[in-house]
Structure formats: C-alpha cells, structure tokens
Amino acid sequence: MKDSKAFIYCRVSNRHLQNLLYYQEDVLTKLAHSFDIDVVAVAKEVSEGKNSYTREMQTLIHYIRNEKIDALLVYDKTRICIFDDLYAEFQMICDKHHVEIITIEDMRELSSIQLL
C-alpha cells in the first residue's frame, strides 16, 4: 500500500452526528499516514446513504473513473451506502478502475499483521 493515492470518504446520517465526521477523518488520516498512503482528497457529508447522487459521492466517483486514486478509505462499508445492491454497484465501479475499498477494520488487521 506504500505510495498509494487514496481518497478518504466520511459520512454520517444526520447533522447531530457531525462530530463523527471529524472523528472518521482523523482516524483514517492517521492510519493512512502510518501506511505511507498519500491522501489526495477528503469528502465529508451528511446524508442518509441511500443513493450516490450527492455532490461528495459524485466527486469520489470522478476520482475513481479518472484513475486519480488507487484506494478509497472509509470507516466501514455502510459509510458508502446502506443498501447492499448499491454497494455492489459501487464496488463494480471501483473494481473496473482498480480502486481498492479499504475499511478501518482492514487497516487495523494489516497493522497487526505487520507487527508480527
């Protein structure tokens, strides 16, 4: 993962949880730096996660389709969307453009493996 270019995407479902946006960004940024991953963009949004028509999601898709990133860092897959079929469609776009979706759990597992 070293020298990868990543996009950090953070989402919460309502404005009352806005502090979680900053928490997600902070945790993912720190983990990215610990793996020498270059963070090229960060998107934070308040959305229910029911579609991909938000401005932030369209920005992310633009980065993917134009192959500006190698990885997408998210707290967990439900931050991308809440429906499995929409997530699968998003995963298909990422696969087509060779972008790996990496959750915080994935990064923590890699971190523990590297420590062995």
C-alpha atoms as a PDB file:
ATOM      1  CA  MET A   1       0.000   0.000   0.000  1.00  0.00           C
ATOM      2  CA  LYS A   2       3.007   2.272   0.310  1.00  0.00           C
ATOM      3  CA  ASP A   3       2.944   5.136  -2.205  1.00  0.00           C
ATOM      4  CA  SER A   4      -0.758   4.591  -2.913  1.00  0.00           C
ATOM      5  CA  LYS A   5      -3.003   7.565  -3.580  1.00  0.00           C
ATOM      6  CA  ALA A   6      -6.195   7.488  -1.552  1.00  0.00           C
ATOM      7  CA  PHE A   7      -9.473   9.312  -1.191  1.00  0.00           C
ATOM      8  CA  ILE A   8     -10.979   9.473   2.311  1.00  0.00           C
ATOM      9  CA  TYR A   9     -14.778   9.419   2.333  1.00  0.00           C
ATOM     10  CA  CYS A  10     -16.683  10.136   5.557  1.00  0.00           C
ATOM     11  CA  ARG A  11     -20.457  10.156   6.011  1.00  0.00           C
ATOM     12  CA  VAL A  12     -22.965  10.447   8.826  1.00  0.00           C
ATOM     13  CA  SER A  13     -26.737  10.225   8.607  1.00  0.00           C
ATOM     14  CA  ASN A  14     -27.706  13.487  10.338  1.00  0.00           C
ATOM     15  CA  ARG A  15     -26.242  16.797  11.472  1.00  0.00           C
ATOM     16  CA  HIS A  16     -26.397  15.797  15.154  1.00  0.00           C
ATOM     17  CA  LEU A  17     -23.610  13.298  14.443  1.00  0.00           C
ATOM     18  CA  GLN A  18     -21.321  15.805  12.752  1.00  0.00           C
ATOM     19  CA  ASN A  19     -18.540  15.253  15.308  1.00  0.00           C
ATOM     20  CA  LEU A  20     -18.288  11.712  13.943  1.00  0.00           C
ATOM     21  CA  LEU A  21     -17.322  13.131  10.542  1.00  0.00           C
ATOM     22  CA  TYR A  22     -14.218  14.668  12.048  1.00  0.00           C
ATOM     23  CA  TYR A  23     -13.523  11.523  14.048  1.00  0.00           C
ATOM     24  CA  GLN A  24     -13.727   9.351  10.909  1.00  0.00           C
ATOM     25  CA  GLU A  25     -11.435  11.724   9.008  1.00  0.00           C
ATOM     26  CA  ASP A  26      -8.927  11.876  11.866  1.00  0.00           C
ATOM     27  CA  VAL A  27      -8.723   8.106  12.376  1.00  0.00           C
ATOM     28  CA  LEU A  28      -8.473   7.344   8.652  1.00  0.00           C
ATOM     29  CA  THR A  29      -5.873  10.064   8.062  1.00  0.00           C
ATOM     30  CA  LYS A  30      -3.676   8.782  10.879  1.00  0.00           C
ATOM     31  CA  LEU A  31      -3.921   5.214   9.608  1.00  0.00           C
ATOM     32  CA  ALA A  32      -3.157   6.334   6.058  1.00  0.00           C
ATOM     33  CA  HIS A  33      -0.035   8.142   7.202  1.00  0.00           C
ATOM     34  CA  SER A  34       1.102   5.113   9.213  1.00  0.00           C
ATOM     35  CA  PHE A  35       0.997   3.103   5.954  1.00  0.00           C
ATOM     36  CA  ASP A  36       2.638   5.882   3.887  1.00  0.00           C
ATOM     37  CA  ILE A  37      -0.541   6.338   1.868  1.00  0.00           C
ATOM     38  CA  ASP A  38      -0.870   9.724   0.179  1.00  0.00           C
ATOM     39  CA  VAL A  39      -4.300  11.223   0.884  1.00  0.00           C
ATOM     40  CA  VAL A  40      -5.213  13.241  -2.209  1.00  0.00           C
ATOM     41  CA  ALA A  41      -8.767  14.217  -1.213  1.00  0.00           C
ATOM     42  CA  VAL A  42     -11.227  14.053   1.658  1.00  0.00           C
ATOM     43  CA  ALA A  43     -15.010  14.263   1.429  1.00  0.00           C
ATOM     44  CA  LYS A  44     -17.283  14.621   4.436  1.00  0.00           C
ATOM     45  CA  GLU A  45     -21.024  14.647   4.101  1.00  0.00           C
ATOM     46  CA  VAL A  46     -24.290  14.403   5.969  1.00  0.00           C
ATOM     47  CA  SER A  47     -26.517  12.034   4.034  1.00  0.00           C
ATOM     48  CA  GLU A  48     -28.727   9.016   4.627  1.00  0.00           C
ATOM     49  CA  GLY A  49     -26.534   6.913   2.340  1.00  0.00           C
ATOM     50  CA  LYS A  50     -29.427   5.828   0.138  1.00  0.00           C
ATOM     51  CA  ASN A  51     -28.001   6.943  -3.235  1.00  0.00           C
ATOM     52  CA  SER A  52     -24.868   8.101  -5.000  1.00  0.00           C
ATOM     53  CA  TYR A  53     -26.210  11.387  -6.338  1.00  0.00           C
ATOM     54  CA  THR A  54     -24.714  13.637  -3.683  1.00  0.00           C
ATOM     55  CA  ARG A  55     -22.018  16.126  -4.636  1.00  0.00           C
ATOM     56  CA  GLU A  56     -19.390  14.418  -2.485  1.00  0.00           C
ATOM     57  CA  MET A  57     -20.174  10.973  -3.880  1.00  0.00           C
ATOM     58  CA  GLN A  58     -20.051  12.297  -7.437  1.00  0.00           C
ATOM     59  CA  THR A  59     -16.647  13.845  -6.667  1.00  0.00           C
ATOM     60  CA  LEU A  60     -15.449  10.481  -5.391  1.00  0.00           C
ATOM     61  CA  ILE A  61     -16.739   8.692  -8.491  1.00  0.00           C
ATOM     62  CA  HIS A  62     -14.961  11.285 -10.650  1.00  0.00           C
ATOM     63  CA  TYR A  63     -11.664  10.470  -8.898  1.00  0.00           C
ATOM     64  CA  ILE A  64     -12.287   6.753  -9.427  1.00  0.00           C
ATOM     65  CA  ARG A  65     -13.271   6.959 -13.101  1.00  0.00           C
ATOM     66  CA  ASN A  66     -10.373   9.279 -13.919  1.00  0.00           C
ATOM     67  CA  GLU A  67      -7.984   6.926 -12.115  1.00  0.00           C
ATOM     68  CA  LYS A  68      -6.683   9.604  -9.763  1.00  0.00           C
ATOM     69  CA  ILE A  69      -6.672   7.203  -6.806  1.00  0.00           C
ATOM     70  CA  ASP A  70      -5.637   3.635  -6.003  1.00  0.00           C
ATOM     71  CA  ALA A  71      -7.648   3.286  -2.805  1.00  0.00           C
ATOM     72  CA  LEU A  72     -10.755   4.512  -1.069  1.00  0.00           C
ATOM     73  CA  LEU A  73     -10.520   4.743   2.719  1.00  0.00           C
ATOM     74  CA  VAL A  74     -13.796   4.541   4.650  1.00  0.00           C
ATOM     75  CA  TYR A  75     -14.677   3.853   8.254  1.00  0.00           C
ATOM     76  CA  ASP A  76     -16.843   0.917   7.148  1.00  0.00           C
ATOM     77  CA  LYS A  77     -18.770  -0.068   4.036  1.00  0.00           C
ATOM     78  CA  THR A  78     -22.045   1.378   5.360  1.00  0.00           C
ATOM     79  CA  ARG A  79     -20.464   4.826   5.085  1.00  0.00           C
ATOM     80  CA  ILE A  80     -20.573   4.416   1.297  1.00  0.00           C
ATOM     81  CA  CYS A  81     -24.233   3.371   1.194  1.00  0.00           C
ATOM     82  CA  ILE A  82     -26.709   1.474   3.298  1.00  0.00           C
ATOM     83  CA  PHE A  83     -28.089  -0.876   0.642  1.00  0.00           C
ATOM     84  CA  ASP A  84     -26.167  -3.996  -0.401  1.00  0.00           C
ATOM     85  CA  ASP A  85     -27.126  -3.756  -4.076  1.00  0.00           C
ATOM     86  CA  LEU A  86     -25.963  -0.125  -4.319  1.00  0.00           C
ATOM     87  CA  TYR A  87     -22.753  -1.044  -2.538  1.00  0.00           C
ATOM     88  CA  ALA A  88     -22.212  -3.878  -5.042  1.00  0.00           C
ATOM     89  CA  GLU A  89     -22.716  -1.440  -7.918  1.00  0.00           C
ATOM     90  CA  PHE A  90     -20.208   0.952  -6.356  1.00  0.00           C
ATOM     91  CA  GLN A  91     -17.779  -1.927  -5.813  1.00  0.00           C
ATOM     92  CA  MET A  92     -18.117  -2.794  -9.507  1.00  0.00           C
ATOM     93  CA  ILE A  93     -17.055   0.747 -10.476  1.00  0.00           C
ATOM     94  CA  CYS A  94     -14.069   0.510  -8.144  1.00  0.00           C
ATOM     95  CA  ASP A  95     -13.076  -2.914  -9.488  1.00  0.00           C
ATOM     96  CA  LYS A  96     -13.311  -1.693 -13.075  1.00  0.00           C
ATOM     97  CA  HIS A  97     -10.858   1.129 -12.291  1.00  0.00           C
ATOM     98  CA  HIS A  98      -8.621  -0.906  -9.968  1.00  0.00           C
ATOM     99  CA  VAL A  99      -9.524   1.044  -6.826  1.00  0.00           C
ATOM    100  CA  GLU A 100      -9.435  -0.891  -3.581  1.00  0.00           C
ATOM    101  CA  ILE A 101     -12.017  -0.092  -0.903  1.00  0.00           C
ATOM    102  CA  ILE A 102     -10.282  -0.237   2.467  1.00  0.00           C
ATOM    103  CA  THR A 103     -12.159  -0.001   5.754  1.00  0.00           C
ATOM    104  CA  ILE A 104     -10.713   0.903   9.116  1.00  0.00           C
ATOM    105  CA  GLU A 105     -11.020  -2.765  10.105  1.00  0.00           C
ATOM    106  CA  ASP A 106      -8.967  -3.803   7.063  1.00  0.00           C
ATOM    107  CA  MET A 107      -6.266  -1.317   8.023  1.00  0.00           C
ATOM    108  CA  ARG A 108      -6.207  -2.477  11.639  1.00  0.00           C
ATOM    109  CA  GLU A 109      -5.850  -6.105  10.515  1.00  0.00           C
ATOM    110  CA  LEU A 110      -2.979  -5.155   8.217  1.00  0.00           C
ATOM    111  CA  SER A 111      -1.383  -3.230  11.044  1.00  0.00           C
ATOM    112  CA  SER A 112      -1.493  -6.223  13.365  1.00  0.00           C
ATOM    113  CA  ILE A 113      -0.078  -8.486  10.633  1.00  0.00           C
ATOM    114  CA  GLN A 114       2.784  -6.080  10.040  1.00  0.00           C
ATOM    115  CA  LEU A 115       3.617  -6.111  13.753  1.00  0.00           C
ATOM    116  CA  LEU A 116       4.096  -9.897  13.798  1.00  0.00           C
END
